[in-house]
């Protein structure tokens, strides 16, 4: 036989058992079946056997989802990551090798929709339109938690297309088979592009049922960097772990969901807004959370620049203008500072100066123009204030670093990140892709933490009670 009888199974058609025993006399009776047998993670055999196998697999997967639901109560980020990079891959192979199983996958979708997502976000119920958004890849503003029933047939058709040449060779009993690398590459490219077109079509269809604010929110979530914190393992070593409240508040900000959990006051202590909603919490300056958000980005960039440049300064003071005439709008006062300075960032021994701007794209003041123009306007204002002074007085290169509270970057910040990744690659020997991914992740987590803190951080008056306690008698 060429294989071990103890590890072999024979799937035989009706009425040919006698012939099968003659051809394979070494097989034990319990190794011969008419219904079929599991191979890897799919089933080959008749419809009755396939149905029984899939039913058993679905029951096992439902138990896994229920286990993740329990984990999501104390550790939602861990449960989400375990699902997206682990659990959901269990049925990927089955969908790619078995046709017409969408109906069987509905039970899994119901468990995801009714149990896992509410537990992960700490919401009692997920609306249908939000469920559809969450099914999109993170790069399109979703969570990458696709509907397994909807994707079943498409996954199978893509698998058939990719393996057609091999299957034809087997059917034709070809003595050998050499994969056509160019054909394989083109088919994979077609699969990627067809999926992307499908997601874009889904997105456009969803937008028709959304209001202006919801459509704008999806645009923000689709920005480069806005979803980075959802794409990595929750590793404490790199500060990629969010506690329960941080992760669930991040979901509330991401999808404009009610902020639940520990009590929050209905009105902000500033008394300037009737409602203490997400938009107000991100813009209110009381409590210093706007400054903290800015500083978290500034401090991270300072730490990274120290590893790749020389003479790195935090809040460097600009040189005095000494009466030099500069364009209108330029900051000319002595003692003016920028956020970070470094030598040799753009080229050898150059003096690079950076200033950070973090803005809330959900604020009404940023609602009068498109997102791209908002970034450009924030960059232009920074250049008006500092560019000519830095160039003409300090002899340096000025770069405005504009970032939104949802995690996106302006064009100058994007260029700076790319250059930082190249320098980090040269210094560490790691690949450019791993370096830029690490930088984006660190920026993403810094922003998420500072944003979620502003939702719940204390904004009341800071008072110290005079208790007249003699500390020496404690």
Foldseek 3Di string as FASTA:
>chain_A
DPDDLVPAAAADAPPCPVVVCVVPVPHDPVRYYPAFDDDDLETDHDPVNRVVSLLVVLVVLLVVLVVLLVVLQWALLQSLVCVQVPSVVSCLVHLQADPDCLVSLVVVLCSCQQGNVCSSLVHNHDDPLLVLQQCAPQLQLHLVVHRCSVCSNVSNVLSCLLCVVVVVCVVVVPVDDDDDVVSNVVSVVVSVVVVVVVSVVSLVVSVVVDDPLQNQLSVLSNFVLLRLLSPDRCDVVLNSGDTSLLSSVLVCVSRVNDRDDDDDDQDAQVNPDNGLGLQCLQVDPFPNLVVQLQVLLLVVVLVLLVLQFPPKDAFDFADAPVPDDDDPLEDRDGRHTAGMWTAQQVHHGAIETEHEDEEECSHPVNPPDDPLVSQVVVFVNVCSHHVCSCCVPVVHHYFYWYAYLSGHTHPSNVVSLQSSLVSVCVSPVDDSVVSSSSVSSSSNSSSSVSSSCSSHPDRHDDDDDPPVDDVVVD
